[in-house]
Amino acid sequence: MKNIILVILLSIGLYYYNHMGEEIIIPDEAIRFRVIASTNSTTDQEIKLKVRDDLEKEVISDINSSTSLNETRNTLRNNIPRYENIITNTLEKNNIKQSFSINYGMNYFPEKKYKGVKYPEGKYESLVVTLGKGEGNNWWCCLFPPLCLLEAEETGKDEVEYKFFVKELIDKYLK
């Protein structure tokens, strides 16, 4: 009898483990932040990360005390000129001569799969920085709700470890 119960639990656990996290969607009322590199060259990808690092600090600081979606929207809209200056300063201090644009509104995002989670393509409310041609890989996160720094804050490192109780039980009894 114990073996039958164990097999049933294992079957249920494996089913849920294999189907867990396939379609987690960021809420409809969300604001994303995206930085698109000019190309996929190593140099352009490094530039993207420098711009992201400098701008993300300021954007997060600006919206950190926001308590609502509308407050976050207004803060982002009102700070576009300052964000343009931050990007310009980042490029200048790194001796980079490159054009860029910054847009707040409904912007296209391609489909992305990250750690087993599928984010569908579509137009999303977002702050988007496009460097040069805008043909390179991009970096993005969710500003509202504030998920940009969630992984680093929770673990103190770049990777997040996801655990599933039934899988842990299965691993425990199959080892």
N, C-alpha and C. Protein backbone atom coordinates (compact mmCIF):
# COMPACT_ATOMS: atom_id res chain seq x y z
N MET A 1 0.81 -1.19 0.00
CA MET A 1 0.00 0.00 0.00
C MET A 1 0.86 1.26 0.00
N LYS A 2 1.94 1.25 0.81
CA LYS A 2 2.84 2.40 0.88
C LYS A 2 3.46 2.68 -0.49
N ASN A 3 3.80 1.61 -1.21
CA ASN A 3 4.40 1.78 -2.54
C ASN A 3 3.44 2.42 -3.52
N ILE A 4 2.16 2.05 -3.44
CA ILE A 4 1.15 2.63 -4.34
C ILE A 4 1.01 4.13 -4.05
N ILE A 5 0.94 4.48 -2.78
CA ILE A 5 0.81 5.89 -2.40
C ILE A 5 2.05 6.66 -2.86
N LEU A 6 3.22 6.09 -2.67
CA LEU A 6 4.45 6.75 -3.09
C LEU A 6 4.48 6.96 -4.60
N VAL A 7 4.06 5.95 -5.37
CA VAL A 7 4.01 6.06 -6.84
C VAL A 7 3.03 7.15 -7.26
N ILE A 8 1.87 7.20 -6.61
CA ILE A 8 0.87 8.23 -6.94
C ILE A 8 1.42 9.62 -6.63
N LEU A 9 2.02 9.78 -5.45
CA LEU A 9 2.60 11.08 -5.09
C LEU A 9 3.72 11.47 -6.04
N LEU A 10 4.56 10.52 -6.39
CA LEU A 10 5.64 10.79 -7.32
C LEU A 10 5.09 11.21 -8.68
N SER A 11 4.07 10.53 -9.15
CA SER A 11 3.47 10.86 -10.44
C SER A 11 2.90 12.26 -10.43
N ILE A 12 2.15 12.58 -9.40
CA ILE A 12 1.56 13.92 -9.29
C ILE A 12 2.66 14.97 -9.19
N GLY A 13 3.64 14.69 -8.36
CA GLY A 13 4.75 15.63 -8.18
C GLY A 13 5.52 15.87 -9.47
N LEU A 14 5.82 14.80 -10.20
CA LEU A 14 6.54 14.95 -11.47
C LEU A 14 5.71 15.73 -12.48
N TYR A 15 4.41 15.47 -12.52
CA TYR A 15 3.54 16.21 -13.45
C TYR A 15 3.60 17.71 -13.15
N TYR A 16 3.40 18.08 -11.87
CA TYR A 16 3.41 19.50 -11.51
C TYR A 16 4.80 20.11 -11.69
N TYR A 17 5.83 19.36 -11.39
CA TYR A 17 7.19 19.87 -11.56
C TYR A 17 7.47 20.16 -13.02
N ASN A 18 7.05 19.28 -13.91
CA ASN A 18 7.29 19.47 -15.34
C ASN A 18 6.45 20.58 -15.94
N HIS A 19 5.33 20.92 -15.33
CA HIS A 19 4.45 21.95 -15.88
C HIS A 19 4.52 23.26 -15.10
N MET A 20 5.31 23.30 -14.06
CA MET A 20 5.43 24.47 -13.23
C MET A 20 6.17 25.58 -13.95
N GLY A 21 5.66 26.81 -13.91
CA GLY A 21 6.38 27.96 -14.42
C GLY A 21 6.37 28.14 -15.92
N GLU A 22 5.50 27.43 -16.63
CA GLU A 22 5.50 27.57 -18.09
C GLU A 22 4.92 28.89 -18.55
N GLU A 23 3.91 29.40 -17.89
CA GLU A 23 3.24 30.61 -18.33
C GLU A 23 3.01 31.57 -17.17
N ILE A 24 4.04 32.13 -16.62
CA ILE A 24 3.89 33.16 -15.60
C ILE A 24 3.96 34.48 -16.34
N ILE A 25 2.92 35.27 -16.20
CA ILE A 25 2.82 36.51 -16.94
C ILE A 25 2.99 37.68 -15.98
N ILE A 26 3.76 38.67 -16.39
CA ILE A 26 3.87 39.90 -15.63
C ILE A 26 2.49 40.56 -15.65
N PRO A 27 2.05 41.15 -14.56
CA PRO A 27 0.71 41.75 -14.52
C PRO A 27 0.48 42.74 -15.66
N ASP A 28 -0.78 42.84 -16.10
CA ASP A 28 -1.12 43.79 -17.15
C ASP A 28 -0.77 45.21 -16.76
N GLU A 29 -0.95 45.54 -15.52
CA GLU A 29 -0.66 46.89 -15.02
C GLU A 29 0.80 46.91 -14.55
N ALA A 30 1.71 46.81 -15.50
CA ALA A 30 3.13 46.79 -15.19
C ALA A 30 3.85 47.78 -16.09
N ILE A 31 5.00 48.24 -15.62
CA ILE A 31 5.85 49.11 -16.44
C ILE A 31 7.20 48.42 -16.55
N ARG A 32 7.63 48.23 -17.78
CA ARG A 32 8.91 47.56 -18.03
C ARG A 32 9.98 48.59 -18.35
N PHE A 33 11.22 48.15 -18.26
CA PHE A 33 12.38 48.99 -18.56
C PHE A 33 13.28 48.16 -19.46
N ARG A 34 13.68 48.75 -20.58
CA ARG A 34 14.45 47.99 -21.57
C ARG A 34 15.58 48.85 -22.14
N VAL A 35 16.75 48.25 -22.30
CA VAL A 35 17.88 48.90 -22.96
C VAL A 35 18.30 47.99 -24.11
N ILE A 36 18.29 48.54 -25.33
CA ILE A 36 18.61 47.77 -26.53
C ILE A 36 19.96 48.23 -27.06
N ALA A 37 20.86 47.28 -27.27
CA ALA A 37 22.19 47.58 -27.81
C ALA A 37 22.11 47.87 -29.30
N SER A 38 23.08 48.61 -29.80
CA SER A 38 23.13 48.93 -31.23
C SER A 38 23.28 47.66 -32.06
N THR A 39 24.22 46.80 -31.67
CA THR A 39 24.45 45.53 -32.36
C THR A 39 24.80 44.49 -31.30
N ASN A 40 25.14 43.29 -31.74
CA ASN A 40 25.56 42.24 -30.82
C ASN A 40 27.07 42.15 -30.67
N SER A 41 27.79 43.15 -31.16
CA SER A 41 29.24 43.14 -30.96
C SER A 41 29.54 43.24 -29.47
N THR A 42 30.68 42.75 -29.08
CA THR A 42 31.08 42.80 -27.68
C THR A 42 31.09 44.23 -27.17
N THR A 43 31.62 45.14 -27.97
CA THR A 43 31.69 46.54 -27.58
C THR A 43 30.29 47.12 -27.35
N ASP A 44 29.39 46.88 -28.29
CA ASP A 44 28.03 47.43 -28.15
C ASP A 44 27.28 46.81 -26.97
N GLN A 45 27.51 45.55 -26.70
CA GLN A 45 26.88 44.93 -25.53
C GLN A 45 27.44 45.52 -24.23
N GLU A 46 28.73 45.82 -24.20
CA GLU A 46 29.33 46.46 -23.03
C GLU A 46 28.77 47.86 -22.83
N ILE A 47 28.58 48.59 -23.92
CA ILE A 47 27.99 49.93 -23.84
C ILE A 47 26.58 49.84 -23.27
N LYS A 48 25.81 48.88 -23.76
CA LYS A 48 24.44 48.68 -23.25
C LYS A 48 24.46 48.51 -21.74
N LEU A 49 25.38 47.69 -21.24
CA LEU A 49 25.43 47.41 -19.80
C LEU A 49 25.85 48.64 -19.00
N LYS A 50 26.75 49.45 -19.56
CA LYS A 50 27.16 50.69 -18.87
C LYS A 50 25.99 51.65 -18.77
N VAL A 51 25.27 51.80 -19.87
CA VAL A 51 24.10 52.68 -19.86
C VAL A 51 23.06 52.14 -18.89
N ARG A 52 22.81 50.85 -18.96
CA ARG A 52 21.84 50.23 -18.04
C ARG A 52 22.22 50.47 -16.59
N ASP A 53 23.48 50.21 -16.25
CA ASP A 53 23.92 50.36 -14.86
C ASP A 53 23.70 51.77 -14.34
N ASP A 54 24.12 52.76 -15.12
CA ASP A 54 23.99 54.15 -14.67
C ASP A 54 22.54 54.60 -14.63
N LEU A 55 21.78 54.25 -15.63
CA LEU A 55 20.39 54.70 -15.69
C LEU A 55 19.51 53.95 -14.71
N GLU A 56 19.73 52.66 -14.56
CA GLU A 56 18.90 51.86 -13.66
C GLU A 56 18.98 52.39 -12.23
N LYS A 57 20.17 52.74 -11.78
CA LYS A 57 20.33 53.27 -10.42
C LYS A 57 19.42 54.48 -10.21
N GLU A 58 19.43 55.39 -11.17
CA GLU A 58 18.64 56.61 -11.05
C GLU A 58 17.15 56.34 -11.14
N VAL A 59 16.75 55.50 -12.09
CA VAL A 59 15.33 55.20 -12.27
C VAL A 59 14.79 54.52 -11.02
N ILE A 60 15.50 53.53 -10.51
CA ILE A 60 15.05 52.82 -9.30
C ILE A 60 14.96 53.79 -8.12
N SER A 61 15.95 54.66 -7.99
CA SER A 61 15.92 55.65 -6.92
C SER A 61 14.70 56.57 -7.06
N ASP A 62 14.40 56.97 -8.28
CA ASP A 62 13.27 57.87 -8.52
C ASP A 62 11.93 57.24 -8.17
N ILE A 63 11.76 55.99 -8.50
CA ILE A 63 10.45 55.36 -8.30
C ILE A 63 10.36 54.56 -7.01
N ASN A 64 11.44 54.51 -6.27
CA ASN A 64 11.49 53.70 -5.05
C ASN A 64 10.37 54.03 -4.06
N SER A 65 10.00 55.29 -3.97
CA SER A 65 8.97 55.67 -3.01
C SER A 65 7.57 55.74 -3.63
N SER A 66 7.46 55.41 -4.91
CA SER A 66 6.15 55.42 -5.57
C SER A 66 5.24 54.39 -4.92
N THR A 67 3.99 54.81 -4.72
CA THR A 67 3.03 53.92 -4.07
C THR A 67 1.93 53.46 -5.02
N SER A 68 1.96 53.98 -6.25
CA SER A 68 0.92 53.58 -7.19
C SER A 68 1.47 53.57 -8.61
N LEU A 69 0.74 52.94 -9.48
CA LEU A 69 1.11 52.89 -10.89
C LEU A 69 1.13 54.29 -11.49
N ASN A 70 0.13 55.10 -11.20
CA ASN A 70 0.08 56.46 -11.76
C ASN A 70 1.23 57.32 -11.26
N GLU A 71 1.59 57.18 -10.01
CA GLU A 71 2.72 57.94 -9.46
C GLU A 71 4.02 57.53 -10.17
N THR A 72 4.18 56.24 -10.42
CA THR A 72 5.36 55.74 -11.13
C THR A 72 5.38 56.29 -12.55
N ARG A 73 4.24 56.26 -13.24
CA ARG A 73 4.15 56.80 -14.60
C ARG A 73 4.58 58.27 -14.64
N ASN A 74 4.03 59.05 -13.74
CA ASN A 74 4.34 60.48 -13.73
C ASN A 74 5.81 60.74 -13.43
N THR A 75 6.36 59.98 -12.52
CA THR A 75 7.78 60.14 -12.18
C THR A 75 8.65 59.84 -13.40
N LEU A 76 8.36 58.77 -14.10
CA LEU A 76 9.15 58.42 -15.28
C LEU A 76 9.01 59.48 -16.36
N ARG A 77 7.78 59.88 -16.67
CA ARG A 77 7.55 60.90 -17.71
C ARG A 77 8.28 62.20 -17.38
N ASN A 78 8.18 62.63 -16.13
CA ASN A 78 8.77 63.91 -15.73
C ASN A 78 10.30 63.90 -15.73
N ASN A 79 10.89 62.70 -15.68
CA ASN A 79 12.35 62.62 -15.59
C ASN A 79 13.03 62.24 -16.91
N ILE A 80 12.30 62.15 -18.00
CA ILE A 80 12.90 61.79 -19.30
C ILE A 80 14.07 62.70 -19.64
N PRO A 81 13.96 64.03 -19.52
CA PRO A 81 15.12 64.88 -19.85
C PRO A 81 16.34 64.56 -18.98
N ARG A 82 16.12 64.28 -17.70
CA ARG A 82 17.24 63.94 -16.81
C ARG A 82 17.85 62.61 -17.22
N TYR A 83 17.01 61.64 -17.62
CA TYR A 83 17.52 60.35 -18.07
C TYR A 83 18.34 60.50 -19.35
N GLU A 84 17.91 61.39 -20.23
CA GLU A 84 18.70 61.67 -21.45
C GLU A 84 20.07 62.20 -21.07
N ASN A 85 20.12 63.09 -20.07
CA ASN A 85 21.41 63.62 -19.60
C ASN A 85 22.29 62.53 -19.00
N ILE A 86 21.70 61.63 -18.26
CA ILE A 86 22.46 60.52 -17.65
C ILE A 86 23.07 59.66 -18.74
N ILE A 87 22.29 59.34 -19.76
CA ILE A 87 22.80 58.51 -20.88
C ILE A 87 23.91 59.25 -21.60
N THR A 88 23.69 60.54 -21.88
CA THR A 88 24.72 61.34 -22.56
C THR A 88 26.00 61.35 -21.74
N ASN A 89 25.89 61.56 -20.43
CA ASN A 89 27.07 61.58 -19.56
C ASN A 89 27.78 60.22 -19.53
N THR A 90 27.01 59.15 -19.50
CA THR A 90 27.60 57.80 -19.50
C THR A 90 28.40 57.58 -20.79
N LEU A 91 27.83 57.94 -21.90
CA LEU A 91 28.51 57.78 -23.19
C LEU A 91 29.76 58.64 -23.25
N GLU A 92 29.65 59.90 -22.82
CA GLU A 92 30.80 60.82 -22.86
C GLU A 92 31.93 60.38 -21.95
N LYS A 93 31.60 59.96 -20.73
CA LYS A 93 32.67 59.56 -19.79
C LYS A 93 33.39 58.29 -20.26
N ASN A 94 32.75 57.52 -21.13
CA ASN A 94 33.38 56.32 -21.68
C ASN A 94 33.89 56.54 -23.11
N ASN A 95 33.95 57.82 -23.53
CA ASN A 95 34.43 58.19 -24.87
C ASN A 95 33.71 57.43 -25.98
N ILE A 96 32.39 57.37 -25.86
CA ILE A 96 31.57 56.65 -26.83
C ILE A 96 30.75 57.67 -27.61
N LYS A 97 30.92 57.65 -28.90
CA LYS A 97 30.13 58.53 -29.76
C LYS A 97 29.05 57.67 -30.41
N GLN A 98 27.86 57.72 -29.82
CA GLN A 98 26.77 56.89 -30.31
C GLN A 98 25.45 57.61 -30.09
N SER A 99 24.58 57.51 -31.05
CA SER A 99 23.26 58.10 -30.90
C SER A 99 22.40 57.20 -30.01
N PHE A 100 21.32 57.77 -29.49
CA PHE A 100 20.39 56.98 -28.69
C PHE A 100 19.03 57.68 -28.71
N SER A 101 18.02 56.91 -28.36
CA SER A 101 16.70 57.50 -28.15
C SER A 101 16.13 56.89 -26.88
N ILE A 102 15.24 57.64 -26.26
CA ILE A 102 14.57 57.15 -25.06
C ILE A 102 13.09 57.43 -25.24
N ASN A 103 12.28 56.43 -24.91
CA ASN A 103 10.85 56.54 -25.13
C ASN A 103 10.10 55.95 -23.95
N TYR A 104 9.09 56.68 -23.51
CA TYR A 104 8.19 56.13 -22.50
C TYR A 104 6.82 56.01 -23.14
N GLY A 105 6.26 54.82 -23.15
CA GLY A 105 4.95 54.60 -23.74
C GLY A 105 4.75 53.13 -24.01
N MET A 106 3.93 52.84 -25.00
CA MET A 106 3.67 51.45 -25.40
C MET A 106 4.74 51.06 -26.42
N ASN A 107 5.59 50.12 -26.05
CA ASN A 107 6.72 49.70 -26.89
C ASN A 107 6.70 48.19 -27.09
N TYR A 108 7.22 47.77 -28.23
CA TYR A 108 7.25 46.35 -28.58
C TYR A 108 8.34 45.61 -27.80
N PHE A 109 7.99 44.43 -27.31
CA PHE A 109 8.93 43.51 -26.68
C PHE A 109 8.82 42.17 -27.38
N PRO A 110 9.94 41.58 -27.78
CA PRO A 110 9.88 40.24 -28.37
C PRO A 110 9.62 39.20 -27.28
N GLU A 111 9.21 38.00 -27.70
CA GLU A 111 9.02 36.91 -26.74
C GLU A 111 10.35 36.60 -26.07
N LYS A 112 10.29 36.28 -24.80
CA LYS A 112 11.50 35.93 -24.06
C LYS A 112 11.18 34.76 -23.15
N LYS A 113 12.12 33.85 -23.07
CA LYS A 113 12.01 32.74 -22.14
C LYS A 113 13.20 32.85 -21.20
N TYR A 114 12.91 32.89 -19.91
CA TYR A 114 13.95 33.08 -18.91
C TYR A 114 13.69 32.14 -17.75
N LYS A 115 14.62 31.22 -17.50
CA LYS A 115 14.51 30.25 -16.42
C LYS A 115 13.19 29.51 -16.46
N GLY A 116 12.80 29.10 -17.64
CA GLY A 116 11.59 28.32 -17.81
C GLY A 116 10.30 29.12 -17.82
N VAL A 117 10.40 30.43 -17.70
CA VAL A 117 9.22 31.28 -17.71
C VAL A 117 9.13 31.96 -19.07
N LYS A 118 7.96 31.88 -19.68
CA LYS A 118 7.75 32.46 -21.00
C LYS A 118 7.04 33.81 -20.87
N TYR A 119 7.66 34.83 -21.44
CA TYR A 119 7.08 36.17 -21.49
C TYR A 119 6.69 36.42 -22.94
N PRO A 120 5.40 36.57 -23.23
CA PRO A 120 4.96 36.70 -24.62
C PRO A 120 5.34 38.04 -25.24
N GLU A 121 5.49 38.03 -26.57
CA GLU A 121 5.77 39.28 -27.27
C GLU A 121 4.53 40.16 -27.23
N GLY A 122 4.75 41.43 -27.45
CA GLY A 122 3.63 42.35 -27.50
C GLY A 122 4.08 43.76 -27.20
N LYS A 123 3.11 44.66 -27.19
CA LYS A 123 3.38 46.05 -26.84
C LYS A 123 3.04 46.22 -25.36
N TYR A 124 4.03 46.79 -24.63
CA TYR A 124 3.89 46.95 -23.20
C TYR A 124 4.28 48.36 -22.79
N GLU A 125 3.63 48.85 -21.75
CA GLU A 125 4.01 50.15 -21.21
C GLU A 125 5.44 50.03 -20.68
N SER A 126 6.29 50.94 -21.14
CA SER A 126 7.70 50.76 -20.81
C SER A 126 8.52 52.01 -21.06
N LEU A 127 9.68 52.02 -20.40
CA LEU A 127 10.73 53.00 -20.64
C LEU A 127 11.78 52.26 -21.44
N VAL A 128 12.00 52.70 -22.69
CA VAL A 128 12.92 51.99 -23.59
C VAL A 128 14.02 52.93 -24.06
N VAL A 129 15.25 52.47 -23.89
CA VAL A 129 16.42 53.17 -24.40
C VAL A 129 16.97 52.35 -25.56
N THR A 130 17.09 53.00 -26.71
CA THR A 130 17.63 52.33 -27.90
C THR A 130 18.95 52.99 -28.24
N LEU A 131 20.01 52.20 -28.24
CA LEU A 131 21.34 52.71 -28.56
C LEU A 131 21.65 52.46 -30.03
N GLY A 132 22.16 53.48 -30.71
CA GLY A 132 22.56 53.34 -32.12
C GLY A 132 21.44 52.76 -32.97
N LYS A 133 21.77 51.68 -33.71
CA LYS A 133 20.82 51.04 -34.61
C LYS A 133 19.72 50.28 -33.89
N GLY A 134 19.96 49.90 -32.64
CA GLY A 134 18.95 49.16 -31.88
C GLY A 134 18.72 47.76 -32.42
N GLU A 135 19.76 47.15 -32.98
CA GLU A 135 19.62 45.82 -33.57
C GLU A 135 20.25 44.71 -32.73
N GLY A 136 20.76 45.07 -31.56
CA GLY A 136 21.44 44.09 -30.71
C GLY A 136 20.53 43.50 -29.66
N ASN A 137 21.10 42.58 -28.89
CA ASN A 137 20.36 41.98 -27.79
C ASN A 137 20.01 43.05 -26.78
N ASN A 138 18.95 42.80 -26.04
CA ASN A 138 18.49 43.78 -25.09
C ASN A 138 18.50 43.22 -23.68
N TRP A 139 18.38 44.12 -22.73
CA TRP A 139 18.20 43.78 -21.33
C TRP A 139 16.89 44.42 -20.92
N TRP A 140 16.09 43.73 -20.11
CA TRP A 140 14.87 44.36 -19.60
C TRP A 140 14.49 43.79 -18.25
N CYS A 141 13.67 44.55 -17.57
CA CYS A 141 13.12 44.12 -16.28
C CYS A 141 11.80 44.83 -16.08
N CYS A 142 11.18 44.59 -14.95
CA CYS A 142 9.89 45.19 -14.64
C CYS A 142 10.09 46.23 -13.53
N LEU A 143 9.73 47.50 -13.84
CA LEU A 143 9.86 48.57 -12.85
C LEU A 143 8.69 48.62 -11.89
N PHE A 144 7.50 48.36 -12.41
CA PHE A 144 6.31 48.37 -11.55
C PHE A 144 5.42 47.22 -11.94
N PRO A 145 5.17 46.25 -11.08
CA PRO A 145 5.73 46.17 -9.74
C PRO A 145 7.25 46.05 -9.81
N PRO A 146 7.94 46.49 -8.77
CA PRO A 146 9.41 46.58 -8.81
C PRO A 146 10.09 45.21 -8.75
N LEU A 147 10.42 44.66 -9.91
CA LEU A 147 11.07 43.36 -9.98
C LEU A 147 12.49 43.42 -10.52
N CYS A 148 12.99 44.61 -10.87
CA CYS A 148 14.31 44.72 -11.48
C CYS A 148 15.42 44.13 -10.63
N LEU A 149 15.39 44.41 -9.36
CA LEU A 149 16.49 43.99 -8.50
C LEU A 149 16.09 42.86 -7.56
N LEU A 150 14.95 42.24 -7.81
CA LEU A 150 14.42 41.23 -6.92
C LEU A 150 15.41 40.09 -6.68
N GLU A 151 15.99 39.55 -7.74
CA GLU A 151 16.89 38.41 -7.58
C GLU A 151 18.11 38.77 -6.76
N ALA A 152 18.74 39.89 -7.07
CA ALA A 152 19.95 40.27 -6.36
C ALA A 152 19.66 40.56 -4.90
N GLU A 153 18.52 41.20 -4.62
CA GLU A 153 18.19 41.53 -3.24
C GLU A 153 17.86 40.28 -2.43
N GLU A 154 17.18 39.32 -3.01
CA GLU A 154 16.76 38.14 -2.27
C GLU A 154 17.92 37.21 -1.94
N THR A 155 18.86 37.07 -2.86
CA THR A 155 19.88 36.07 -2.67
C THR A 155 21.28 36.64 -2.45
N GLY A 156 21.49 37.89 -2.81
CA GLY A 156 22.81 38.46 -2.71
C GLY A 156 23.73 37.97 -3.81
N LYS A 157 23.20 37.30 -4.81
CA LYS A 157 23.98 36.83 -5.94
C LYS A 157 23.12 36.90 -7.19
N ASP A 158 23.68 36.57 -8.34
CA ASP A 158 22.98 36.72 -9.60
C ASP A 158 21.95 35.64 -9.87
N GLU A 159 22.09 34.48 -9.29
CA GLU A 159 21.19 33.37 -9.58
C GLU A 159 20.15 33.19 -8.49
N VAL A 160 18.97 32.78 -8.86
CA VAL A 160 17.91 32.47 -7.91
C VAL A 160 17.72 30.97 -7.91
N GLU A 161 17.58 30.40 -6.74
CA GLU A 161 17.34 28.97 -6.66
C GLU A 161 15.86 28.76 -6.36
N TYR A 162 15.17 28.10 -7.29
CA TYR A 162 13.76 27.81 -7.12
C TYR A 162 13.62 26.41 -6.55
N LYS A 163 12.75 26.26 -5.55
CA LYS A 163 12.54 24.96 -4.93
C LYS A 163 11.08 24.59 -5.04
N PHE A 164 10.83 23.30 -5.16
CA PHE A 164 9.47 22.79 -5.25
C PHE A 164 9.37 21.65 -4.25
N PHE A 165 8.46 21.78 -3.31
CA PHE A 165 8.37 20.86 -2.19
C PHE A 165 8.26 19.40 -2.63
N VAL A 166 7.36 19.11 -3.59
CA VAL A 166 7.17 17.72 -4.02
C VAL A 166 8.44 17.19 -4.67
N LYS A 167 9.13 18.04 -5.44
CA LYS A 167 10.38 17.59 -6.06
C LYS A 167 11.41 17.25 -4.98
N GLU A 168 11.47 18.07 -3.92
CA GLU A 168 12.40 17.79 -2.83
C GLU A 168 12.08 16.44 -2.17
N LEU A 169 10.80 16.16 -2.00
CA LEU A 169 10.41 14.87 -1.45
C LEU A 169 10.84 13.73 -2.37
N ILE A 170 10.61 13.92 -3.66
CA ILE A 170 10.98 12.89 -4.64
C ILE A 170 12.48 12.67 -4.60
N ASP A 171 13.24 13.76 -4.62
CA ASP A 171 14.70 13.64 -4.57
C ASP A 171 15.16 12.93 -3.29
N LYS A 172 14.50 13.25 -2.18
CA LYS A 172 14.87 12.66 -0.90
C LYS A 172 14.68 11.14 -0.89
N TYR A 173 13.55 10.68 -1.45
CA TYR A 173 13.24 9.26 -1.37
C TYR A 173 13.80 8.45 -2.54
N LEU A 174 14.24 9.09 -3.59
CA LEU A 174 14.82 8.35 -4.71
C LEU A 174 16.33 8.26 -4.63
N LYS A 175 16.94 8.96 -3.70
CA LYS A 175 18.40 8.92 -3.59
C LYS A 175 18.87 7.81 -2.73
